[in-house]
Structures are given as C-alpha cells and as structure tokens.
Amino acid sequence: MIEPHAPAPPGTTPPWGGNARLPVRQGTGRFLVLACVFVCAACGLVYELELVALASYLIGDSVTQASVVLSVMVFAMGIGSLVAKRLRPLAAAGFGAIEAVLALVGGCSALALYAVFAWTGDWGGMWADGPRYLLVAFSLTIGLLIGAEVPLLMELIQRIRRQDAGGAVADLFAADYVGALVGGLAFPFLLLPLLGQLTSALITGAVNAVAGGALVLGLFGGDLTRRARWLLLIANVTVLGVLAAAAVLVDDFERAARHEVYGRDVRVALQTDVQEVVITGGTHGRPLDLFLDGRLRVSGRDASRYHEALVHPAMNGEHSRVLILGGGDGLAAREVLRHPGVHRVDVVEVDAGVVRLARHDPPLSRLNGHAYDDTRVHVMTGDAFRWLRAAPPATYDVVISDLPDPGITASTKLYSQEFYGLARRVLTPRGRLAVHAGPVASRPRVFWTVDTTLRAAGLRTAPYRVPGHASGFASGPDRTAGPTRAPHDWGFLLAGQGSRPALRLGEGAAAPRLGTLTQKGLAAAARAAEGTRVGGVGASTLVHPRY
C-alpha cells in the first residue's frame, strides 16, 4: 500500500503532483501559470529591446550595442538558471521575489541609462564610458533574473500536476516563445511610438510586477508563510509605487536630461517616425543647431562652411537637374539654388518630420533661405537606396549625398558599393557625385574606405577636407566620445565617370559669391586630404560593411 504524503511545510514546494490547497482546478492553474510565462516572456524581451534601442541612441553603433546586450544577457540567463536550482524548494516565494526585482530593475533601466548619459557625459575619463558600463550591468542583471524564471516556473507547473519532463518543457517554452513574439512586436509598433522609450519601460515593469505577484499570491499563496505573503505584497506594492512615481515625473526628468545634454536653449524636441529631432537656438541672435538622434547635423556657426564645400565643387559644369540624397534641412538645396541654370532639384529625405520643420520652423526656414518655397524643389519621402533603384538612368547632372556619418549603422548601406553603383546609374555621362564622408582627422580609415568604395563602383574621385569648429557633439557613431574627440573637420569626395573630376568652383559674373570657400582654399583642402591617405582599405558592400 502506498503511504499518504505528509503535508509540505509552508514556504516549500512538495515533490509530488497536485495540491489540494490550490484555489482553482488543475487545468485552470496550469493555464494561469502558462499565461504568466507568456506575460513575463513578453516583458523580458521588451527589456532587452529597450536596452538595445536606448544604447544605440545614447552610445551609438547599433550592431555593437545589440551584440553586447544579447551576448551578455544570454550568458547571464544560463548562470541564472543554474543559480535558481537552489531555489526550487522555495519555488513560489523565489519566483515572486525574482519578478519583483526584475520589474524594478527592468522598468528603471532606461531611466538610469539616460540619467548617466546626461549627467556624466561631459566629465571625461572613465565617466565618459559610464553608459557602456551600466549597459553591461543591466544586461547581466536582467539576464540573471530572466534565466532564474524558467527552473522555478517548471517547478510550479509540475507542482500543479505532474507530467513528463518533455511535455512540461514543451508547454513552458511554447508560452515563452509566443510571449517573446508579442513583446518583440509590441515594442517597435506600439510601445515605442505611443509611449516613448522611458515610459514604455516603466509600464512594462509594472505589468511584470502585477503578473508575478498575482500568480504567486493568488495561486500559490497557500505555500507561503503569512510573513512571506506580507513581505511579497509589500515588495510588489513598493515596486509599483516607484514605477508609478517615475511615470508621473518622466516628462520633467526627460526635459531636465535634455537640457543637460543640449543646454537650456532647447526650442524644439520631438520624436518623428524615424528619429528624435532637437533644435536649439535660432532666436535672439543665438546660432541654430539641429540634432538628429542626438548627433549634430546642422550647426548655425558652420552651416555655410559645410554646405558650400559639399555643393559648389559639384556644381561646376552642367547642373540643370540636381538630386539631393538626404538634406531634409534644406541647406544643400539653398546652395544649389544659388546657381543659375538650375531647372529642377529633387530631394529624397527619409524623415518627413525634418522636412516639415525645414518648411515651417521660422528660424530653420530662414537659415535654408526658404528653399522649399521654390517651385523647382520637389521632395520625395523615402529611403534613398530604395528610391535610387527605381529612378530612371542618366537623369541628373549632379547628385549631392548629404547623409549622416558612414559609421552610423543605419547609414552603412548608403555608403556601400551597391549604393554608389545606383548613384552612378542615374548620373549623366558627365555628371558629378558629391559625398559627405565623415571627419578625416579623427577617422581617416573610414574616409578612405568611402573613397575606395566609390572607385570600386566605377567612379573616379577627388578627395578634399575642410576644417570646421569643434562642437562638443559627436556627429558620428560614438556619442560618448566627449567634447575632446568631437570632429574638427569634414571630409568630402567629388566623383565622376570617366576622367577624374576637377576640383574647381564656378567662375564669371553668374557664379555665386561664396562666404567661406575659395578656389585657393579648395586646392588646400585637396592637399590636406591627400596628406591623410590610408592605403590597403577595401570597398564596403552590403554583405561586408567596413565602417
């Protein structure tokens, strides 16, 4: 005869299936556990994506940040699973405590990363890398906690009704993977556009705390001592209170952090469908600065210097039809329109929000000379690579590539051999292509990789380098470099088919009078670029990016 089991002491999980003290039927109990697995998996993936997205924005180079977050979290999940083996006798209490901590850490992770970036970014030394260290710390901690969930949930689901291990693993992982799918889709399509990065993390933490606390206190509360139930309830209420308070204050926090990063002169701050756009200055005699995802794209002090160098060497020759790739701020179009004989200017810009600002923001529209009011200017919203694939061949006399730094992951394909092959196809036989290729002094290898890539696409190049002012803001992939490593120059490449294009400015009475660029200065810019030449670099392609 089989002896009856003795009752399990409070706070422990008995090693047999079934539990008379469960408040629901076994089938309902299993459903509730799997539902909790689903919710926790969705929350875990949102934390993971939140760290990747915010780190890419704050630190830069999204491929590196995604690799760091994913590899550290997967490693930590394995360690967490091993550590959780010791908690199996206390599965219910252990799972409840882990979910409370995970909700607090995951929910506040974005807030903490942004705070460290904003308030320590200018300190230099080890503090300049504070966001990197914190990113690894959060990835490790969240991974440990997520990894510890699985063994405890397996114990809990077996606690309700004993089944073979393979069947239990299949049920558990099915709910886990479906939850991860929902979380992975909810983050970019629902949470991020509607709530933003900080609020979405806080709400995810609250959902996580409610799910974990409700499962343990509602379904397995009989396995806990009275003291353990009260401690878990107080812990969850405290976590929810902290997250709620942070959600109420998140707008004030974000404004304070933005002022710390950009200064007190922030005039416009908005999140478009593509990126964060911030404009400072432009009124009361203060120079206008335009930031896209935290990187300086237009500086009122240097706007003429940059855009004159980018545009005017390419306009020496036939220029009746001009294509501008990027340049949604309208400043490249302003320079193009200064030349007589321009019949049509097509601007292909991925972010319609930037174009709207360039049209309607008074200081920015004044800076671009109200270029978008000119009937010759036509704007197409879309990805430049995709647009070039559909463009008719031999259409443009001049193509201006006014795109972000090639080292930024999102821009890498726009500096590839395939992209330049498409740009070459839309050029007339004697057409010219002007390319912004990032700073030369601080990143010469990247600049000469762009040169090699253009030549691999069948174009002949003339490199030149123009000095600028150190802004204190990175324009390239690394946002934590600090002011001392901000770029002091811009690198450009003028490319054409057949013979090497001549680096010359237009001459005669009809040529526009430039404020910063002269023929003598352009020749010096060419010599300055040649002095930095780096040999042995390969061309960058879509499948083998080299930036």
Protein backbone atom coordinates (compact mmCIF):
# COMPACT_ATOMS: atom_id res chain seq x y z
CA MET A 1 0.00 0.00 0.00
CA ILE A 2 1.23 3.50 -0.86
CA GLU A 3 1.72 5.65 2.18
CA PRO A 4 -0.02 9.06 2.02
CA HIS A 5 2.27 12.08 1.71
CA ALA A 6 2.79 14.21 4.71
CA PRO A 7 1.80 17.88 4.21
CA ALA A 8 4.57 20.10 2.91
CA PRO A 9 5.80 22.74 5.34
CA PRO A 10 4.82 26.36 4.47
CA GLY A 11 7.22 28.09 2.10
CA THR A 12 8.33 24.87 0.39
CA THR A 13 7.21 23.09 -2.76
CA PRO A 14 6.36 19.42 -2.31
CA PRO A 15 7.95 16.96 -4.76
CA TRP A 16 4.66 15.39 -5.83
CA GLY A 17 1.99 16.49 -8.28
CA GLY A 18 -1.28 18.09 -7.28
CA ASN A 19 -2.03 20.44 -4.42
CA ALA A 20 -5.32 20.41 -2.53
CA ARG A 21 -4.67 23.93 -1.30
CA LEU A 22 -4.77 25.48 -4.78
CA PRO A 23 -7.80 27.78 -5.05
CA VAL A 24 -8.61 26.67 -8.62
CA ARG A 25 -8.80 23.45 -10.61
CA GLN A 26 -5.64 21.94 -12.01
CA GLY A 27 -6.46 22.90 -15.61
CA THR A 28 -7.15 26.50 -14.63
CA GLY A 29 -3.99 26.59 -12.54
CA ARG A 30 -1.85 25.35 -15.42
CA PHE A 31 -3.43 27.94 -17.70
CA LEU A 32 -2.63 30.72 -15.22
CA VAL A 33 0.99 29.61 -14.91
CA LEU A 34 1.41 29.47 -18.70
CA ALA A 35 -0.30 32.87 -19.01
CA CYS A 36 2.23 34.26 -16.52
CA VAL A 37 5.04 32.68 -18.56
CA PHE A 38 3.62 34.43 -21.64
CA VAL A 39 3.49 37.84 -19.92
CA CYS A 40 6.92 37.52 -18.33
CA ALA A 41 8.50 36.48 -21.63
CA ALA A 42 6.94 39.49 -23.37
CA CYS A 43 8.25 41.79 -20.64
CA GLY A 44 11.70 40.23 -20.77
CA LEU A 45 12.02 40.80 -24.50
CA VAL A 46 10.82 44.39 -24.14
CA TYR A 47 13.60 44.99 -21.57
CA GLU A 48 16.09 43.50 -23.99
CA LEU A 49 14.93 45.59 -26.96
CA GLU A 50 14.73 48.68 -24.78
CA LEU A 51 18.37 48.31 -23.79
CA VAL A 52 19.44 47.80 -27.41
CA ALA A 53 17.42 50.77 -28.68
CA LEU A 54 18.45 53.19 -25.96
CA ALA A 55 22.10 52.13 -26.05
CA SER A 56 22.16 52.59 -29.83
CA TYR A 57 20.71 56.06 -29.42
CA LEU A 58 22.85 57.16 -26.46
CA ILE A 59 26.10 55.37 -27.25
CA GLY A 60 25.89 54.67 -30.99
CA ASP A 61 26.85 51.82 -33.32
CA SER A 62 23.72 49.70 -33.02
CA VAL A 63 25.38 46.47 -34.18
CA THR A 64 27.91 46.61 -31.34
CA GLN A 65 25.33 47.52 -28.71
CA ALA A 66 22.93 44.78 -29.85
CA SER A 67 25.76 42.24 -29.76
CA VAL A 68 26.79 43.31 -26.26
CA VAL A 69 23.25 43.21 -24.87
CA LEU A 70 22.28 39.90 -26.48
CA SER A 71 25.51 38.04 -25.70
CA VAL A 72 25.70 39.23 -22.09
CA MET A 73 22.01 38.53 -21.46
CA VAL A 74 22.13 35.01 -22.94
CA PHE A 75 25.23 34.22 -20.89
CA ALA A 76 23.60 35.60 -17.74
CA MET A 77 20.43 33.61 -18.38
CA GLY A 78 22.46 30.42 -18.25
CA ILE A 79 24.05 31.45 -14.97
CA GLY A 80 20.65 32.46 -13.60
CA SER A 81 19.18 29.05 -14.44
CA LEU A 82 21.99 27.32 -12.54
CA VAL A 83 21.63 29.57 -9.51
CA ALA A 84 17.84 29.06 -9.45
CA LYS A 85 18.31 25.32 -8.86
CA ARG A 86 18.95 26.16 -5.20
CA LEU A 87 15.59 27.96 -5.01
CA ARG A 88 13.48 25.08 -6.25
CA PRO A 89 12.34 24.02 -2.75
CA LEU A 90 11.06 27.60 -2.36
CA ALA A 91 9.81 27.96 -5.94
CA ALA A 92 6.76 30.12 -5.23
CA ALA A 93 8.49 32.56 -2.89
CA GLY A 94 11.61 32.64 -5.07
CA PHE A 95 9.66 33.34 -8.25
CA GLY A 96 7.67 36.13 -6.59
CA ALA A 97 10.85 37.80 -5.29
CA ILE A 98 12.61 37.50 -8.66
CA GLU A 99 9.68 39.07 -10.53
CA ALA A 100 9.54 42.00 -8.12
CA VAL A 101 13.26 42.68 -8.54
CA LEU A 102 13.09 42.16 -12.31
CA ALA A 103 10.17 44.60 -12.61
CA LEU A 104 12.09 47.25 -10.69
CA VAL A 105 15.41 46.77 -12.47
CA GLY A 106 13.96 46.34 -15.96
CA GLY A 107 11.43 49.13 -15.56
CA CYS A 108 14.00 51.64 -14.35
CA SER A 109 16.85 50.56 -16.66
CA ALA A 110 16.09 53.07 -19.44
CA LEU A 111 15.71 55.89 -16.93
CA ALA A 112 19.04 55.08 -15.29
CA LEU A 113 20.88 54.78 -18.62
CA TYR A 114 19.57 58.12 -19.81
CA ALA A 115 20.42 59.78 -16.48
CA VAL A 116 24.02 58.52 -16.52
CA PHE A 117 24.43 59.60 -20.14
CA ALA A 118 23.01 63.07 -19.49
CA TRP A 119 24.74 63.92 -16.23
CA THR A 120 28.15 62.24 -16.63
CA GLY A 121 28.76 62.51 -20.39
CA ASP A 122 30.92 65.63 -20.14
CA TRP A 123 33.04 64.54 -17.17
CA GLY A 124 35.62 62.75 -19.29
CA GLY A 125 37.80 59.85 -18.20
CA MET A 126 36.07 56.71 -17.03
CA TRP A 127 32.81 58.65 -16.54
CA ALA A 128 32.52 59.21 -20.30
CA ASP A 129 32.08 55.44 -20.61
CA GLY A 130 29.54 55.27 -17.79
CA PRO A 131 26.63 54.33 -20.10
CA ARG A 132 28.67 51.43 -21.51
CA TYR A 133 29.39 50.01 -18.06
CA LEU A 134 25.79 50.48 -16.97
CA LEU A 135 24.54 48.80 -20.15
CA VAL A 136 26.60 45.70 -19.35
CA ALA A 137 25.48 45.77 -15.71
CA PHE A 138 21.79 45.94 -16.64
CA SER A 139 22.18 43.27 -19.32
CA LEU A 140 23.87 40.99 -16.80
CA THR A 141 21.34 41.61 -14.01
CA ILE A 142 18.24 41.30 -16.19
CA GLY A 143 19.67 38.18 -17.85
CA LEU A 144 20.32 36.55 -14.48
CA LEU A 145 16.77 37.25 -13.33
CA ILE A 146 15.15 36.07 -16.58
CA GLY A 147 17.26 32.91 -16.55
CA ALA A 148 16.15 32.14 -13.00
CA GLU A 149 12.48 32.24 -14.03
CA VAL A 150 12.48 29.04 -16.10
CA PRO A 151 13.50 26.44 -13.46
CA LEU A 152 11.12 27.97 -10.93
CA LEU A 153 8.22 28.10 -13.37
CA MET A 154 8.94 24.48 -14.31
CA GLU A 155 8.74 23.57 -10.65
CA LEU A 156 5.48 25.47 -10.24
CA ILE A 157 3.80 23.94 -13.26
CA GLN A 158 4.82 20.47 -12.05
CA ARG A 159 3.54 21.47 -8.63
CA ILE A 160 0.02 21.66 -10.06
CA ARG A 161 0.04 18.40 -11.99
CA ARG A 162 3.00 16.09 -12.50
CA GLN A 163 3.72 15.28 -16.16
CA ASP A 164 6.68 14.00 -18.12
CA ALA A 165 9.56 16.46 -18.35
CA GLY A 166 9.41 16.72 -22.15
CA GLY A 167 5.74 17.69 -22.14
CA ALA A 168 6.23 20.26 -19.39
CA VAL A 169 9.21 21.82 -21.20
CA ALA A 170 7.23 21.98 -24.46
CA ASP A 171 4.28 23.73 -22.78
CA LEU A 172 6.52 26.15 -20.92
CA PHE A 173 8.67 27.07 -23.92
CA ALA A 174 5.66 27.41 -26.23
CA ALA A 175 4.16 30.04 -23.92
CA ASP A 176 7.58 31.64 -23.51
CA TYR A 177 8.29 31.94 -27.23
CA VAL A 178 4.82 33.21 -28.11
CA GLY A 179 5.15 35.82 -25.36
CA ALA A 180 8.53 36.84 -26.74
CA LEU A 181 6.93 37.27 -30.18
CA VAL A 182 4.22 39.53 -28.78
CA GLY A 183 6.73 41.58 -26.78
CA GLY A 184 9.07 41.86 -29.75
CA LEU A 185 6.29 43.18 -31.99
CA ALA A 186 4.67 45.39 -29.34
CA PHE A 187 7.89 47.32 -28.63
CA PRO A 188 8.55 48.88 -32.08
CA PHE A 189 4.96 49.09 -33.28
CA LEU A 190 3.05 50.03 -30.13
CA LEU A 191 5.10 50.95 -27.07
CA LEU A 192 7.88 53.00 -28.65
CA PRO A 193 5.76 55.21 -30.97
CA LEU A 194 2.95 55.76 -28.44
CA LEU A 195 4.79 55.96 -25.13
CA GLY A 196 8.47 56.55 -25.88
CA GLN A 197 11.42 54.63 -24.50
CA LEU A 198 11.25 55.68 -20.86
CA THR A 199 7.52 55.34 -20.25
CA SER A 200 7.27 52.04 -22.13
CA ALA A 201 9.98 50.52 -19.90
CA LEU A 202 8.20 51.72 -16.75
CA ILE A 203 4.82 50.33 -17.86
CA THR A 204 6.43 47.03 -18.82
CA GLY A 205 7.92 46.80 -15.34
CA ALA A 206 4.50 47.42 -13.80
CA VAL A 207 2.91 44.67 -15.90
CA ASN A 208 5.74 42.33 -14.91
CA ALA A 209 5.24 43.04 -11.20
CA VAL A 210 1.47 42.56 -11.37
CA ALA A 211 1.77 39.27 -13.29
CA GLY A 212 4.38 37.75 -10.99
CA GLY A 213 2.80 38.95 -7.77
CA ALA A 214 -0.72 37.91 -8.78
CA LEU A 215 0.38 34.40 -9.75
CA VAL A 216 2.26 33.72 -6.53
CA LEU A 217 -0.11 35.41 -4.08
CA GLY A 218 -3.29 34.33 -5.83
CA LEU A 219 -2.45 30.78 -6.87
CA PHE A 220 0.37 29.64 -4.60
CA GLY A 221 -0.27 31.82 -1.56
CA GLY A 222 -1.04 28.72 0.48
CA ASP A 223 2.57 27.59 0.06
CA LEU A 224 3.88 30.74 1.72
CA THR A 225 4.02 31.65 5.36
CA ARG A 226 1.93 34.58 6.49
CA ARG A 227 5.09 36.66 6.89
CA ALA A 228 6.29 35.74 3.37
CA ARG A 229 2.93 36.73 1.87
CA TRP A 230 3.03 40.13 3.53
CA LEU A 231 6.67 40.72 2.54
CA LEU A 232 5.91 39.83 -1.09
CA LEU A 233 2.82 42.03 -1.12
CA ILE A 234 4.71 44.98 0.37
CA ALA A 235 7.59 44.47 -2.09
CA ASN A 236 5.25 44.48 -5.10
CA VAL A 237 3.28 47.50 -3.89
CA THR A 238 6.58 49.33 -3.33
CA VAL A 239 7.82 48.45 -6.81
CA LEU A 240 4.56 49.57 -8.36
CA GLY A 241 4.71 52.80 -6.35
CA VAL A 242 8.25 53.54 -7.53
CA LEU A 243 7.36 52.83 -11.15
CA ALA A 244 4.17 54.92 -10.94
CA ALA A 245 6.03 57.86 -9.40
CA ALA A 246 8.68 57.63 -12.10
CA ALA A 247 5.99 57.55 -14.81
CA VAL A 248 4.38 60.69 -13.37
CA LEU A 249 7.72 62.52 -13.29
CA VAL A 250 9.15 61.13 -16.53
CA ASP A 251 8.36 64.21 -18.62
CA ASP A 252 10.08 66.52 -16.13
CA PHE A 253 13.01 64.13 -15.95
CA GLU A 254 13.31 63.98 -19.75
CA ARG A 255 13.25 67.78 -20.03
CA ALA A 256 15.92 68.13 -17.36
CA ALA A 257 18.10 65.48 -19.01
CA ARG A 258 17.61 67.06 -22.45
CA HIS A 259 18.67 70.45 -21.08
CA GLU A 260 21.71 68.82 -19.52
CA VAL A 261 22.69 67.30 -22.87
CA TYR A 262 21.79 70.14 -25.24
CA GLY A 263 21.80 73.18 -22.95
CA ARG A 264 18.94 75.35 -21.79
CA ASP A 265 18.21 76.69 -25.27
CA VAL A 266 16.16 73.70 -26.48
CA ARG A 267 13.41 75.13 -28.66
CA VAL A 268 12.04 72.06 -30.48
CA ALA A 269 12.11 68.44 -29.28
CA LEU A 270 10.02 65.81 -31.00
CA GLN A 271 10.08 62.14 -31.91
CA THR A 272 9.24 61.56 -35.57
CA ASP A 273 8.52 58.18 -37.10
CA VAL A 274 12.26 57.89 -37.81
CA GLN A 275 14.28 59.63 -35.10
CA GLU A 276 14.43 62.19 -32.30
CA VAL A 277 14.75 65.76 -33.62
CA VAL A 278 16.01 68.56 -31.37
CA ILE A 279 16.56 72.19 -32.37
CA THR A 280 18.36 74.64 -30.11
CA GLY A 281 18.85 78.36 -30.65
CA GLY A 282 17.87 80.25 -33.76
CA THR A 283 16.32 83.16 -31.85
CA HIS A 284 17.69 86.27 -30.11
CA GLY A 285 20.93 86.07 -32.05
CA ARG A 286 21.82 82.58 -30.88
CA PRO A 287 23.03 80.16 -33.60
CA LEU A 288 20.66 77.36 -34.57
CA ASP A 289 21.74 73.76 -34.04
CA LEU A 290 19.82 70.76 -35.37
CA PHE A 291 20.33 67.36 -33.74
CA LEU A 292 19.08 64.07 -35.16
CA ASP A 293 19.12 61.20 -32.65
CA GLY A 294 21.50 63.23 -30.51
CA ARG A 295 24.06 63.83 -33.27
CA LEU A 296 24.73 67.32 -34.54
CA ARG A 297 23.61 67.61 -38.18
CA VAL A 298 23.39 71.37 -38.66
CA SER A 299 25.36 73.99 -36.77
CA GLY A 300 24.43 77.60 -37.39
CA ARG A 301 28.06 78.59 -36.94
CA ASP A 302 29.30 76.17 -39.61
CA ALA A 303 26.30 75.63 -41.88
CA SER A 304 27.68 77.78 -44.70
CA ARG A 305 31.16 76.30 -44.45
CA TYR A 306 29.90 72.71 -44.63
CA HIS A 307 27.27 73.15 -47.32
CA GLU A 308 29.37 75.39 -49.55
CA ALA A 309 32.11 72.75 -49.53
CA LEU A 310 29.64 69.93 -50.21
CA VAL A 311 27.66 71.55 -53.01
CA HIS A 312 29.63 74.10 -55.02
CA PRO A 313 32.54 71.99 -56.35
CA ALA A 314 29.96 69.59 -57.82
CA MET A 315 28.05 72.45 -59.50
CA ASN A 316 31.00 73.38 -61.72
CA GLY A 317 29.61 72.16 -65.05
CA GLU A 318 26.15 71.34 -66.36
CA HIS A 319 23.71 71.41 -63.45
CA SER A 320 20.18 71.82 -64.78
CA ARG A 321 18.86 68.75 -62.88
CA VAL A 322 20.13 68.09 -59.36
CA LEU A 323 19.36 65.25 -56.94
CA ILE A 324 19.94 65.68 -53.18
CA LEU A 325 20.01 62.49 -51.11
CA GLY A 326 19.23 63.39 -47.52
CA GLY A 327 19.49 67.08 -46.82
CA GLY A 328 15.96 67.38 -45.45
CA ASP A 329 17.02 70.54 -43.58
CA GLY A 330 17.01 72.37 -46.93
CA LEU A 331 20.50 73.84 -46.62
CA ALA A 332 22.02 71.87 -49.50
CA ALA A 333 19.06 72.90 -51.65
CA ARG A 334 19.69 76.51 -50.66
CA GLU A 335 23.23 76.32 -52.04
CA VAL A 336 22.11 74.54 -55.21
CA LEU A 337 19.51 77.22 -55.95
CA ARG A 338 22.17 79.93 -55.85
CA HIS A 339 23.41 78.72 -59.23
CA PRO A 340 21.74 80.00 -62.40
CA GLY A 341 20.54 77.37 -64.82
CA VAL A 342 19.08 75.02 -62.22
CA HIS A 343 15.75 73.77 -63.57
CA ARG A 344 14.81 71.08 -61.07
CA VAL A 345 16.00 69.94 -57.62
CA ASP A 346 14.78 66.60 -56.28
CA VAL A 347 15.26 66.00 -52.54
CA VAL A 348 14.96 62.43 -51.24
CA GLU A 349 14.61 62.52 -47.44
CA VAL A 350 13.66 59.57 -45.24
CA ASP A 351 12.14 61.70 -42.46
CA ALA A 352 9.12 63.78 -43.44
CA GLY A 353 9.20 65.39 -39.99
CA VAL A 354 12.54 67.06 -40.71
CA VAL A 355 11.19 68.44 -43.99
CA ARG A 356 8.12 69.83 -42.19
CA LEU A 357 10.36 71.61 -39.72
CA ALA A 358 12.55 72.95 -42.54
CA ARG A 359 9.42 74.36 -44.19
CA HIS A 360 7.57 75.75 -41.19
CA ASP A 361 10.04 76.42 -38.34
CA PRO A 362 10.80 80.13 -38.83
CA PRO A 363 14.49 80.13 -37.77
CA LEU A 364 15.27 76.94 -39.73
CA SER A 365 13.40 78.11 -42.83
CA ARG A 366 15.28 81.43 -42.66
CA LEU A 367 18.55 79.54 -42.41
CA ASN A 368 17.76 77.46 -45.51
CA GLY A 369 16.63 80.55 -47.42
CA HIS A 370 13.05 79.24 -47.69
CA ALA A 371 14.34 76.72 -50.23
CA TYR A 372 11.18 74.64 -50.08
CA ASP A 373 9.09 77.58 -51.25
CA ASP A 374 10.91 77.45 -54.60
CA THR A 375 8.76 75.68 -57.19
CA ARG A 376 11.84 73.99 -58.66
CA VAL A 377 12.32 71.97 -55.47
CA HIS A 378 10.45 68.66 -55.26
CA VAL A 379 10.54 66.48 -52.13
CA MET A 380 10.21 62.70 -52.11
CA THR A 381 9.94 60.95 -48.75
CA GLY A 382 11.63 57.57 -48.65
CA ASP A 383 14.79 55.56 -48.28
CA ALA A 384 17.49 56.84 -50.65
CA PHE A 385 18.69 53.34 -51.56
CA ARG A 386 15.23 52.12 -52.48
CA TRP A 387 14.46 55.33 -54.36
CA LEU A 388 17.61 55.09 -56.48
CA ARG A 389 16.73 51.55 -57.53
CA ALA A 390 13.53 52.82 -59.15
CA ALA A 391 14.96 56.07 -60.57
CA PRO A 392 15.40 56.35 -64.36
CA PRO A 393 19.02 56.18 -65.61
CA ALA A 394 21.10 59.16 -66.80
CA THR A 395 18.69 61.68 -65.28
CA TYR A 396 20.80 64.01 -63.14
CA ASP A 397 23.75 66.27 -63.86
CA VAL A 398 24.62 66.49 -60.15
CA VAL A 399 23.92 64.18 -57.22
CA ILE A 400 24.58 65.52 -53.71
CA SER A 401 24.85 62.86 -50.99
CA ASP A 402 24.18 64.81 -47.78
CA LEU A 403 23.81 61.79 -45.50
CA PRO A 404 24.83 61.03 -41.89
CA ASP A 405 28.27 59.74 -41.00
CA PRO A 406 29.11 56.38 -42.66
CA GLY A 407 29.99 54.82 -39.31
CA ILE A 408 26.37 55.04 -38.11
CA THR A 409 24.88 51.60 -38.68
CA ALA A 410 21.69 52.91 -40.28
CA SER A 411 23.81 54.78 -42.85
CA THR A 412 26.22 51.99 -43.75
CA LYS A 413 24.24 50.77 -46.75
CA LEU A 414 24.15 54.36 -48.07
CA TYR A 415 27.95 54.27 -48.28
CA SER A 416 28.18 50.87 -49.96
CA GLN A 417 29.47 49.91 -53.39
CA GLU A 418 25.95 48.92 -54.40
CA PHE A 419 24.58 52.32 -53.41
CA TYR A 420 27.23 54.18 -55.37
CA GLY A 421 26.58 51.92 -58.33
CA LEU A 422 22.94 53.05 -58.27
CA ALA A 423 24.02 56.70 -57.93
CA ARG A 424 26.34 56.29 -60.91
CA ARG A 425 23.46 54.89 -62.97
CA VAL A 426 21.30 58.00 -62.50
CA LEU A 427 24.16 60.36 -63.45
CA THR A 428 24.50 61.71 -66.95
CA PRO A 429 27.79 60.73 -68.71
CA ARG A 430 29.48 63.94 -67.49
CA GLY A 431 27.59 64.15 -64.20
CA ARG A 432 29.20 64.57 -60.77
CA LEU A 433 28.50 63.00 -57.39
CA ALA A 434 29.43 64.85 -54.17
CA VAL A 435 29.65 62.77 -51.00
CA HIS A 436 29.97 63.75 -47.36
CA ALA A 437 32.28 61.07 -45.93
CA GLY A 438 32.67 61.99 -42.26
CA PRO A 439 35.58 63.58 -40.38
CA VAL A 440 39.06 62.89 -41.75
CA ALA A 441 41.37 63.79 -38.86
CA SER A 442 39.67 61.58 -36.28
CA ARG A 443 38.62 58.70 -38.58
CA PRO A 444 40.86 58.65 -41.67
CA ARG A 445 40.35 54.95 -42.36
CA VAL A 446 36.60 55.44 -42.70
CA PHE A 447 37.09 58.36 -45.07
CA TRP A 448 39.44 56.43 -47.35
CA THR A 449 37.13 53.42 -47.23
CA VAL A 450 34.44 55.63 -48.76
CA ASP A 451 36.95 56.70 -51.43
CA THR A 452 37.83 53.07 -52.21
CA THR A 453 34.14 52.15 -52.33
CA LEU A 454 33.37 54.91 -54.83
CA ARG A 455 36.22 53.77 -57.06
CA ALA A 456 35.04 50.16 -56.81
CA ALA A 457 31.67 51.36 -58.15
CA GLY A 458 33.41 52.65 -61.29
CA LEU A 459 33.78 56.30 -60.32
CA ARG A 460 36.88 58.49 -60.27
CA THR A 461 37.34 60.54 -57.12
CA ALA A 462 38.82 63.83 -55.94
CA PRO A 463 39.03 63.96 -52.11
CA TYR A 464 39.14 67.16 -50.07
CA ARG A 465 38.97 68.10 -46.41
CA VAL A 466 37.51 71.29 -44.94
CA PRO A 467 38.15 72.46 -41.36
CA GLY A 468 35.26 73.21 -39.03
CA HIS A 469 34.70 74.18 -35.41
CA ALA A 470 34.73 71.63 -32.61
CA SER A 471 31.12 71.49 -31.46
CA GLY A 472 31.37 69.29 -28.39
CA PHE A 473 28.87 66.91 -30.01
CA ALA A 474 29.71 63.77 -31.92
CA SER A 475 28.34 63.58 -35.46
CA GLY A 476 29.49 60.01 -35.99
CA PRO A 477 28.58 56.66 -34.46
CA ASP A 478 30.03 57.17 -30.98
CA ARG A 479 28.04 59.58 -28.83
CA THR A 480 30.11 59.02 -25.69
CA ALA A 481 33.37 60.25 -27.15
CA GLY A 482 33.16 63.51 -25.27
CA PRO A 483 33.97 67.04 -26.43
CA THR A 484 37.69 66.46 -26.79
CA ARG A 485 37.13 63.96 -29.57
CA ALA A 486 34.36 65.80 -31.41
CA PRO A 487 35.22 66.24 -35.11
CA HIS A 488 37.17 69.33 -36.18
CA ASP A 489 36.75 68.83 -39.92
CA TRP A 490 34.62 67.32 -42.70
CA GLY A 491 35.75 65.03 -45.46
CA PHE A 492 34.22 65.20 -48.93
CA LEU A 493 34.65 63.31 -52.17
CA LEU A 494 33.79 64.60 -55.62
CA ALA A 495 33.27 61.69 -58.02
CA GLY A 496 32.53 61.36 -61.70
CA GLN A 497 32.55 58.91 -64.57
CA GLY A 498 35.44 58.70 -66.99
CA SER A 499 38.20 61.14 -66.04
CA ARG A 500 38.82 62.39 -62.54
CA PRO A 501 36.60 65.43 -61.84
CA ALA A 502 38.35 68.76 -61.43
CA LEU A 503 38.04 70.42 -58.05
CA ARG A 504 37.06 73.87 -59.24
CA LEU A 505 34.49 76.48 -58.38
CA GLY A 506 32.31 78.25 -60.92
CA GLU A 507 33.77 81.40 -62.47
CA GLY A 508 32.33 84.50 -64.04
CA ALA A 509 29.72 87.06 -63.08
CA ALA A 510 26.96 84.46 -62.88
CA ALA A 511 28.78 82.30 -60.34
CA PRO A 512 27.52 82.77 -56.76
CA ARG A 513 29.76 84.62 -54.34
CA LEU A 514 30.71 82.29 -51.52
CA GLY A 515 31.32 83.31 -47.95
CA THR A 516 33.82 80.66 -46.81
CA LEU A 517 35.15 78.72 -49.83
CA THR A 518 37.64 79.99 -52.41
CA GLN A 519 39.49 78.30 -55.24
CA LYS A 520 42.73 78.62 -53.31
CA GLY A 521 41.08 77.17 -50.20
CA LEU A 522 39.68 74.28 -52.22
CA ALA A 523 43.14 73.41 -53.55
CA ALA A 524 44.48 73.49 -49.99
CA ALA A 525 41.58 71.25 -48.91
CA ALA A 526 42.58 68.69 -51.55
CA ARG A 527 46.20 68.70 -50.36
CA ALA A 528 45.09 68.36 -46.74
CA ALA A 529 43.03 65.28 -47.59
CA GLU A 530 45.87 63.65 -49.54
CA GLY A 531 48.12 64.06 -46.51
CA THR A 532 45.89 61.67 -44.54
CA ARG A 533 45.68 58.92 -47.17
CA VAL A 534 45.37 55.39 -45.76
CA GLY A 535 46.27 52.53 -48.05
CA GLY A 536 45.15 48.92 -48.11
CA VAL A 537 41.49 49.52 -47.28
CA GLY A 538 38.78 47.51 -49.00
CA ALA A 539 35.50 48.56 -50.51
CA SER A 540 32.41 48.40 -48.30
CA THR A 541 29.49 46.34 -49.60
CA LEU A 542 26.06 45.42 -48.28
CA VAL A 543 27.21 41.99 -47.14
CA HIS A 544 30.66 43.13 -45.99
CA PRO A 545 30.38 46.59 -44.38
CA ARG A 546 33.76 48.01 -43.39
CA TYR A 547 32.83 51.14 -41.44
